[in-house]
C-alpha cells in the first residue's frame, strides 16, 4: 500500500503528472526509482506504470481535495 506520508511533494506531483498521461521519461530518474521502491510504480509487460495502490491513493486524495474545495466555495458564497 502506498501512503501519502511516504511521498515527498515532488513524488506526489510526479504521480499526478503520470495519471494525467505524462510519459515516464519526463519524470526525474531518482523520483521514478523511489516511486518504484515504495510500490507506487510497477513494471508490466516491459513498461513502468502506476500501481493499483498508487491509483487508489491518487483518486481518494484528489476527491478529498475536490470536496474540500467545493465545501469552502459553498461556505464562502453563503
PDB file of N, CA and C in Angstrom:
ATOM      1  N   UNK A   1       0.840  -1.182   0.000  1.00  0.00           N
ATOM      2  CA  UNK A   1       0.000   0.000   0.000  1.00  0.00           C
ATOM      3  C   UNK A   1       0.882   1.242   0.000  1.00  0.00           C
ATOM      4  N   UNK A   2       0.509   2.195  -0.779  1.00  0.00           N
ATOM      5  CA  UNK A   2       1.230   3.458  -0.873  1.00  0.00           C
ATOM      6  C   UNK A   2       0.544   4.461   0.050  1.00  0.00           C
ATOM      7  N   UNK A   3       1.326   5.070   0.931  1.00  0.00           N
ATOM      8  CA  UNK A   3       0.779   6.035   1.879  1.00  0.00           C
ATOM      9  C   UNK A   3       1.211   7.443   1.507  1.00  0.00           C
ATOM     10  N   UNK A   4       0.332   8.380   1.706  1.00  0.00           N
ATOM     11  CA  UNK A   4       0.639   9.775   1.413  1.00  0.00           C
ATOM     12  C   UNK A   4       1.842  10.235   2.228  1.00  0.00           C
ATOM     13  N   UNK A   5       1.968   9.732   3.444  1.00  0.00           N
ATOM     14  CA  UNK A   5       3.067  10.145   4.314  1.00  0.00           C
ATOM     15  C   UNK A   5       4.428   9.698   3.787  1.00  0.00           C
ATOM     16  N   UNK A   6       4.446   8.724   2.876  1.00  0.00           N
ATOM     17  CA  UNK A   6       5.704   8.253   2.294  1.00  0.00           C
ATOM     18  C   UNK A   6       6.182   9.133   1.148  1.00  0.00           C
ATOM     19  N   UNK A   7       5.313   9.985   0.635  1.00  0.00           N
ATOM     20  CA  UNK A   7       5.616  10.739  -0.576  1.00  0.00           C
ATOM     21  C   UNK A   7       6.087  12.154  -0.278  1.00  0.00           C
ATOM     22  N   UNK A   8       7.123  12.567  -1.007  1.00  0.00           N
ATOM     23  CA  UNK A   8       7.525  13.970  -0.963  1.00  0.00           C
ATOM     24  C   UNK A   8       6.594  14.746  -1.893  1.00  0.00           C
ATOM     25  N   UNK A   9       6.677  16.044  -1.838  1.00  0.00           N
ATOM     26  CA  UNK A   9       5.862  16.874  -2.725  1.00  0.00           C
ATOM     27  C   UNK A   9       6.186  16.582  -4.185  1.00  0.00           C
ATOM     28  N   UNK A  10       7.475  16.429  -4.499  1.00  0.00           N
ATOM     29  CA  UNK A  10       7.882  16.131  -5.880  1.00  0.00           C
ATOM     30  C   UNK A  10       7.340  14.784  -6.341  1.00  0.00           C
ATOM     31  N   UNK A  11       7.354  13.798  -5.458  1.00  0.00           N
ATOM     32  CA  UNK A  11       6.839  12.471  -5.811  1.00  0.00           C
ATOM     33  C   UNK A  11       5.329  12.515  -6.038  1.00  0.00           C
ATOM     34  N   UNK A  12       4.622  13.259  -5.204  1.00  0.00           N
ATOM     35  CA  UNK A  12       3.174  13.410  -5.369  1.00  0.00           C
ATOM     36  C   UNK A  12       2.864  14.082  -6.705  1.00  0.00           C
ATOM     37  N   UNK A  13       3.591  15.153  -7.015  1.00  0.00           N
ATOM     38  CA  UNK A  13       3.384  15.857  -8.285  1.00  0.00           C
ATOM     39  C   UNK A  13       3.696  14.943  -9.467  1.00  0.00           C
ATOM     40  N   UNK A  14       4.732  14.118  -9.346  1.00  0.00           N
ATOM     41  CA  UNK A  14       5.084  13.183 -10.418  1.00  0.00           C
ATOM     42  C   UNK A  14       3.958  12.172 -10.636  1.00  0.00           C
ATOM     43  N   UNK A  15       3.385  11.660  -9.556  1.00  0.00           N
ATOM     44  CA  UNK A  15       2.269  10.717  -9.689  1.00  0.00           C
ATOM     45  C   UNK A  15       1.076  11.371 -10.382  1.00  0.00           C
ATOM     46  N   UNK A  16       0.770  12.600  -9.999  1.00  0.00           N
ATOM     47  CA  UNK A  16      -0.348  13.300 -10.642  1.00  0.00           C
ATOM     48  C   UNK A  16      -0.078  13.501 -12.130  1.00  0.00           C
ATOM     49  N   UNK A  17       1.158  13.861 -12.469  1.00  0.00           N
ATOM     50  CA  UNK A  17       1.508  14.054 -13.882  1.00  0.00           C
ATOM     51  C   UNK A  17       1.384  12.750 -14.653  1.00  0.00           C
ATOM     52  N   UNK A  18       1.817  11.649 -14.045  1.00  0.00           N
ATOM     53  CA  UNK A  18       1.696  10.347 -14.712  1.00  0.00           C
ATOM     54  C   UNK A  18       0.230   9.970 -14.900  1.00  0.00           C
ATOM     55  N   UNK A  19      -0.596  10.238 -13.903  1.00  0.00           N
ATOM     56  CA  UNK A  19      -2.025   9.952 -14.009  1.00  0.00           C
ATOM     57  C   UNK A  19      -2.656  10.746 -15.153  1.00  0.00           C
ATOM     58  N   UNK A  20      -2.155  11.941 -15.378  1.00  0.00           N
ATOM     59  CA  UNK A  20      -2.687  12.804 -16.433  1.00  0.00           C
ATOM     60  C   UNK A  20      -2.096  12.481 -17.802  1.00  0.00           C
ATOM     61  N   UNK A  21      -1.256  11.443 -17.878  1.00  0.00           N
ATOM     62  CA  UNK A  21      -0.768  10.987 -19.173  1.00  0.00           C
ATOM     63  C   UNK A  21       0.655  11.362 -19.528  1.00  0.00           C
ATOM     64  N   UNK A  22       1.353  12.014 -18.628  1.00  0.00           N
ATOM     65  CA  UNK A  22       2.750  12.361 -18.910  1.00  0.00           C
ATOM     66  C   UNK A  22       3.577  11.080 -19.012  1.00  0.00           C
ATOM     67  N   UNK A  23       4.569  11.081 -19.882  1.00  0.00           N
ATOM     68  CA  UNK A  23       5.393   9.880 -20.044  1.00  0.00           C
ATOM     69  C   UNK A  23       6.414   9.780 -18.923  1.00  0.00           C
ATOM     70  N   UNK A  24       6.789   8.553 -18.619  1.00  0.00           N
ATOM     71  CA  UNK A  24       7.737   8.281 -17.538  1.00  0.00           C
ATOM     72  C   UNK A  24       9.091   8.922 -17.818  1.00  0.00           C
ATOM     73  N   UNK A  25       9.428   9.084 -19.082  1.00  0.00           N
ATOM     74  CA  UNK A  25      10.729   9.658 -19.456  1.00  0.00           C
ATOM     75  C   UNK A  25      10.862  11.116 -19.037  1.00  0.00           C
ATOM     76  N   UNK A  26       9.752  11.778 -18.823  1.00  0.00           N
ATOM     77  CA  UNK A  26       9.792  13.197 -18.443  1.00  0.00           C
ATOM     78  C   UNK A  26       9.884  13.388 -16.930  1.00  0.00           C
ATOM     79  N   UNK A  27       9.879  12.285 -16.192  1.00  0.00           N
ATOM     80  CA  UNK A  27       9.975  12.334 -14.730  1.00  0.00           C
ATOM     81  C   UNK A  27      11.426  12.064 -14.333  1.00  0.00           C
ATOM     82  N   UNK A  28      11.909  12.761 -13.326  1.00  0.00           N
ATOM     83  CA  UNK A  28      13.270  12.591 -12.817  1.00  0.00           C
ATOM     84  C   UNK A  28      13.544  11.122 -12.491  1.00  0.00           C
ATOM     85  N   UNK A  29      14.699  10.621 -12.909  1.00  0.00           N
ATOM     86  CA  UNK A  29      15.060   9.218 -12.712  1.00  0.00           C
ATOM     87  C   UNK A  29      15.077   8.789 -11.255  1.00  0.00           C
ATOM     88  N   UNK A  30      15.567   9.659 -10.367  1.00  0.00           N
ATOM     89  CA  UNK A  30      15.589   9.323  -8.936  1.00  0.00           C
ATOM     90  C   UNK A  30      14.169   9.222  -8.384  1.00  0.00           C
ATOM     91  N   UNK A  31      13.303  10.065  -8.860  1.00  0.00           N
ATOM     92  CA  UNK A  31      11.902  10.023  -8.430  1.00  0.00           C
ATOM     93  C   UNK A  31      11.252   8.729  -8.888  1.00  0.00           C
ATOM     94  N   UNK A  32      11.518   8.332 -10.130  1.00  0.00           N
ATOM     95  CA  UNK A  32      10.970   7.075 -10.651  1.00  0.00           C
ATOM     96  C   UNK A  32      11.461   5.903  -9.813  1.00  0.00           C
ATOM     97  N   UNK A  33      12.763   5.888  -9.479  1.00  0.00           N
ATOM     98  CA  UNK A  33      13.319   4.794  -8.667  1.00  0.00           C
ATOM     99  C   UNK A  33      12.653   4.744  -7.301  1.00  0.00           C
ATOM    100  N   UNK A  34      12.522   5.883  -6.667  1.00  0.00           N
ATOM    101  CA  UNK A  34      11.904   5.942  -5.333  1.00  0.00           C
ATOM    102  C   UNK A  34      10.446   5.484  -5.393  1.00  0.00           C
ATOM    103  N   UNK A  35       9.692   5.941  -6.398  1.00  0.00           N
ATOM    104  CA  UNK A  35       8.291   5.537  -6.525  1.00  0.00           C
ATOM    105  C   UNK A  35       8.173   4.039  -6.797  1.00  0.00           C
ATOM    106  N   UNK A  36       9.126   3.492  -7.529  1.00  0.00           N
ATOM    107  CA  UNK A  36       9.142   2.048  -7.769  1.00  0.00           C
ATOM    108  C   UNK A  36       9.457   1.307  -6.475  1.00  0.00           C
ATOM    109  N   UNK A  37      10.428   1.822  -5.713  1.00  0.00           N
ATOM    110  CA  UNK A  37      10.827   1.182  -4.452  1.00  0.00           C
ATOM    111  C   UNK A  37       9.683   1.114  -3.443  1.00  0.00           C
ATOM    112  N   UNK A  38       8.842   2.146  -3.394  1.00  0.00           N
ATOM    113  CA  UNK A  38       7.744   2.138  -2.418  1.00  0.00           C
ATOM    114  C   UNK A  38       6.471   1.502  -2.972  1.00  0.00           C
ATOM    115  N   UNK A  39       6.514   1.067  -4.226  1.00  0.00           N
ATOM    116  CA  UNK A  39       5.378   0.348  -4.799  1.00  0.00           C
ATOM    117  C   UNK A  39       4.365   1.204  -5.533  1.00  0.00           C
ATOM    118  N   UNK A  40       4.690   2.467  -5.760  1.00  0.00           N
ATOM    119  CA  UNK A  40       3.758   3.338  -6.476  1.00  0.00           C
ATOM    120  C   UNK A  40       3.818   3.106  -7.986  1.00  0.00           C
ATOM    121  N   UNK A  41       4.957   2.624  -8.449  1.00  0.00           N
ATOM    122  CA  UNK A  41       5.119   2.278  -9.861  1.00  0.00           C
ATOM    123  C   UNK A  41       5.473   0.807  -9.951  1.00  0.00           C
ATOM    124  N   UNK A  42       5.045   0.174 -11.022  1.00  0.00           N
ATOM    125  CA  UNK A  42       5.368  -1.240 -11.227  1.00  0.00           C
ATOM    126  C   UNK A  42       5.672  -1.477 -12.694  1.00  0.00           C
ATOM    127  N   UNK A  43       6.438  -2.514 -12.929  1.00  0.00           N
ATOM    128  CA  UNK A  43       6.781  -2.873 -14.304  1.00  0.00           C
ATOM    129  C   UNK A  43       5.803  -3.935 -14.788  1.00  0.00           C
ATOM    130  N   UNK A  44       5.136  -3.641 -15.893  1.00  0.00           N
ATOM    131  CA  UNK A  44       4.192  -4.584 -16.506  1.00  0.00           C
ATOM    132  C   UNK A  44       4.448  -4.630 -17.996  1.00  0.00           C
ATOM    133  N   UNK A  45       4.574  -5.815 -18.516  1.00  0.00           N
ATOM    134  CA  UNK A  45       4.792  -6.005 -19.951  1.00  0.00           C
ATOM    135  C   UNK A  45       5.926  -5.130 -20.470  1.00  0.00           C
ATOM    136  N   UNK A  46       6.986  -5.015 -19.671  1.00  0.00           N
ATOM    137  CA  UNK A  46       8.146  -4.236 -20.085  1.00  0.00           C
ATOM    138  C   UNK A  46       8.005  -2.733 -19.946  1.00  0.00           C
ATOM    139  N   UNK A  47       6.894  -2.272 -19.416  1.00  0.00           N
ATOM    140  CA  UNK A  47       6.669  -0.839 -19.228  1.00  0.00           C
ATOM    141  C   UNK A  47       6.458  -0.543 -17.750  1.00  0.00           C
ATOM    142  N   UNK A  48       6.792   0.670 -17.352  1.00  0.00           N
ATOM    143  CA  UNK A  48       6.549   1.105 -15.978  1.00  0.00           C
ATOM    144  C   UNK A  48       5.224   1.853 -15.963  1.00  0.00           C
ATOM    145  N   UNK A  49       4.364   1.490 -15.016  1.00  0.00           N
ATOM    146  CA  UNK A  49       3.059   2.157 -14.916  1.00  0.00           C
ATOM    147  C   UNK A  49       2.673   2.317 -13.452  1.00  0.00           C
ATOM    148  N   UNK A  50       1.648   3.116 -13.217  1.00  0.00           N
ATOM    149  CA  UNK A  50       1.142   3.312 -11.859  1.00  0.00           C
ATOM    150  C   UNK A  50       0.603   2.000 -11.312  1.00  0.00           C
ATOM    151  N   UNK A  51       0.902   1.720 -10.062  1.00  0.00           N
ATOM    152  CA  UNK A  51       0.335   0.537  -9.419  1.00  0.00           C
ATOM    153  C   UNK A  51      -1.114   0.826  -9.041  1.00  0.00           C
ATOM    154  N   UNK A  52      -1.859  -0.224  -8.772  1.00  0.00           N
ATOM    155  CA  UNK A  52      -3.261  -0.052  -8.341  1.00  0.00           C
ATOM    156  C   UNK A  52      -3.327   0.747  -7.046  1.00  0.00           C
ATOM    157  N   UNK A  53      -2.383   0.493  -6.139  1.00  0.00           N
ATOM    158  CA  UNK A  53      -2.367   1.214  -4.864  1.00  0.00           C
ATOM    159  C   UNK A  53      -2.133   2.707  -5.080  1.00  0.00           C
ATOM    160  N   UNK A  54      -1.254   3.051  -6.013  1.00  0.00           N
ATOM    161  CA  UNK A  54      -0.987   4.463  -6.299  1.00  0.00           C
ATOM    162  C   UNK A  54      -2.204   5.122  -6.932  1.00  0.00           C
ATOM    163  N   UNK A  55      -2.853   4.416  -7.849  1.00  0.00           N
ATOM    164  CA  UNK A  55      -4.061   4.977  -8.477  1.00  0.00           C
ATOM    165  C   UNK A  55      -5.156   5.200  -7.439  1.00  0.00           C
ATOM    166  N   UNK A  56      -5.306   4.253  -6.516  1.00  0.00           N
ATOM    167  CA  UNK A  56      -6.313   4.389  -5.467  1.00  0.00           C
ATOM    168  C   UNK A  56      -6.000   5.604  -4.595  1.00  0.00           C
ATOM    169  N   UNK A  57      -4.731   5.763  -4.212  1.00  0.00           N
ATOM    170  CA  UNK A  57      -4.329   6.908  -3.403  1.00  0.00           C
ATOM    171  C   UNK A  57      -4.612   8.216  -4.139  1.00  0.00           C
ATOM    172  N   UNK A  58      -4.258   8.272  -5.417  1.00  0.00           N
ATOM    173  CA  UNK A  58      -4.497   9.479  -6.206  1.00  0.00           C
ATOM    174  C   UNK A  58      -5.979   9.824  -6.275  1.00  0.00           C
ATOM    175  N   UNK A  59      -6.798   8.846  -6.574  1.00  0.00           N
ATOM    176  CA  UNK A  59      -8.243   9.078  -6.700  1.00  0.00           C
ATOM    177  C   UNK A  59      -8.832   9.539  -5.368  1.00  0.00           C
ATOM    178  N   UNK A  60      -8.487   8.842  -4.285  1.00  0.00           N
ATOM    179  CA  UNK A  60      -9.035   9.198  -2.971  1.00  0.00           C
ATOM    180  C   UNK A  60      -8.581  10.581  -2.532  1.00  0.00           C
ATOM    181  N   UNK A  61      -7.302  10.858  -2.695  1.00  0.00           N
ATOM    182  CA  UNK A  61      -6.756  12.134  -2.239  1.00  0.00           C
ATOM    183  C   UNK A  61      -7.304  13.302  -3.066  1.00  0.00           C
ATOM    184  N   UNK A  62      -7.376  13.100  -4.386  1.00  0.00           N
ATOM    185  CA  UNK A  62      -7.884  14.172  -5.242  1.00  0.00           C
ATOM    186  C   UNK A  62      -9.378  14.400  -5.003  1.00  0.00           C
ATOM    187  N   UNK A  63     -10.119  13.349  -4.697  1.00  0.00           N
ATOM    188  CA  UNK A  63     -11.538  13.502  -4.361  1.00  0.00           C
ATOM    189  C   UNK A  63     -11.688  14.280  -3.058  1.00  0.00           C
ATOM    190  N   UNK A  64     -10.833  13.978  -2.093  1.00  0.00           N
ATOM    191  CA  UNK A  64     -10.875  14.696  -0.811  1.00  0.00           C
ATOM    192  C   UNK A  64     -10.571  16.180  -1.021  1.00  0.00           C
ATOM    193  N   UNK A  65      -9.571  16.468  -1.843  1.00  0.00           N
ATOM    194  CA  UNK A  65      -9.218  17.860  -2.134  1.00  0.00           C
ATOM    195  C   UNK A  65     -10.381  18.562  -2.829  1.00  0.00           C
ATOM    196  N   UNK A  66     -10.997  17.880  -3.783  1.00  0.00           N
ATOM    197  CA  UNK A  66     -12.130  18.454  -4.516  1.00  0.00           C
ATOM    198  C   UNK A  66     -13.304  18.739  -3.586  1.00  0.00           C
ATOM    199  N   UNK A  67     -13.605  17.794  -2.694  1.00  0.00           N
ATOM    200  CA  UNK A  67     -14.702  18.011  -1.740  1.00  0.00           C
ATOM    201  C   UNK A  67     -14.402  19.191  -0.832  1.00  0.00           C
ATOM    202  N   UNK A  68     -13.154  19.302  -0.398  1.00  0.00           N
ATOM    203  CA  UNK A  68     -12.779  20.408   0.479  1.00  0.00           C
ATOM    204  C   UNK A  68     -12.917  21.741  -0.254  1.00  0.00           C
ATOM    205  N   UNK A  69     -12.500  21.758  -1.500  1.00  0.00           N
ATOM    206  CA  UNK A  69     -12.633  22.997  -2.284  1.00  0.00           C
ATOM    207  C   UNK A  69     -14.096  23.350  -2.491  1.00  0.00           C
ATOM    208  N   UNK A  70     -14.921  22.367  -2.823  1.00  0.00           N
ATOM    209  CA  UNK A  70     -16.352  22.616  -3.027  1.00  0.00           C
ATOM    210  C   UNK A  70     -17.007  23.087  -1.743  1.00  0.00           C
ATOM    211  N   UNK A  71     -16.649  22.482  -0.636  1.00  0.00           N
ATOM    212  CA  UNK A  71     -17.210  22.876   0.656  1.00  0.00           C
ATOM    213  C   UNK A  71     -16.814  24.314   0.983  1.00  0.00           C
ATOM    214  N   UNK A  72     -15.540  24.643   0.773  1.00  0.00           N
ATOM    215  CA  UNK A  72     -15.072  26.000   1.058  1.00  0.00           C
ATOM    216  C   UNK A  72     -15.773  27.023   0.179  1.00  0.00           C
ATOM    217  N   UNK A  73     -15.958  26.701  -1.102  1.00  0.00           N
ATOM    218  CA  UNK A  73     -16.591  27.671  -2.002  1.00  0.00           C
ATOM    219  C   UNK A  73     -18.067  27.851  -1.656  1.00  0.00           C
ATOM    220  N   UNK A  74     -18.740  26.788  -1.237  1.00  0.00           N
ATOM    221  CA  UNK A  74     -20.142  26.905  -0.840  1.00  0.00           C
ATOM    222  C   UNK A  74     -20.261  27.742   0.429  1.00  0.00           C
ATOM    223  N   UNK A  75     -19.351  27.524   1.354  1.00  0.00           N
ATOM    224  CA  UNK A  75     -19.366  28.290   2.594  1.00  0.00           C
ATOM    225  C   UNK A  75     -19.095  29.761   2.295  1.00  0.00           C
ATOM    226  N   UNK A  76     -18.153  30.006   1.404  1.00  0.00           N
ATOM    227  CA  UNK A  76     -17.782  31.369   1.063  1.00  0.00           C
ATOM    228  C   UNK A  76     -18.954  32.117   0.426  1.00  0.00           C
ATOM    229  N   UNK A  77     -19.731  31.434  -0.408  1.00  0.00           N
ATOM    230  CA  UNK A  77     -20.852  32.087  -1.101  1.00  0.00           C
ATOM    231  C   UNK A  77     -22.004  32.402  -0.157  1.00  0.00           C
ATOM    232  N   UNK A  78     -22.147  31.657   0.916  1.00  0.00           N
ATOM    233  CA  UNK A  78     -23.283  31.863   1.825  1.00  0.00           C
ATOM    234  C   UNK A  78     -23.052  33.073   2.632  1.00  0.00           C
TER     235      UNK A  78
END
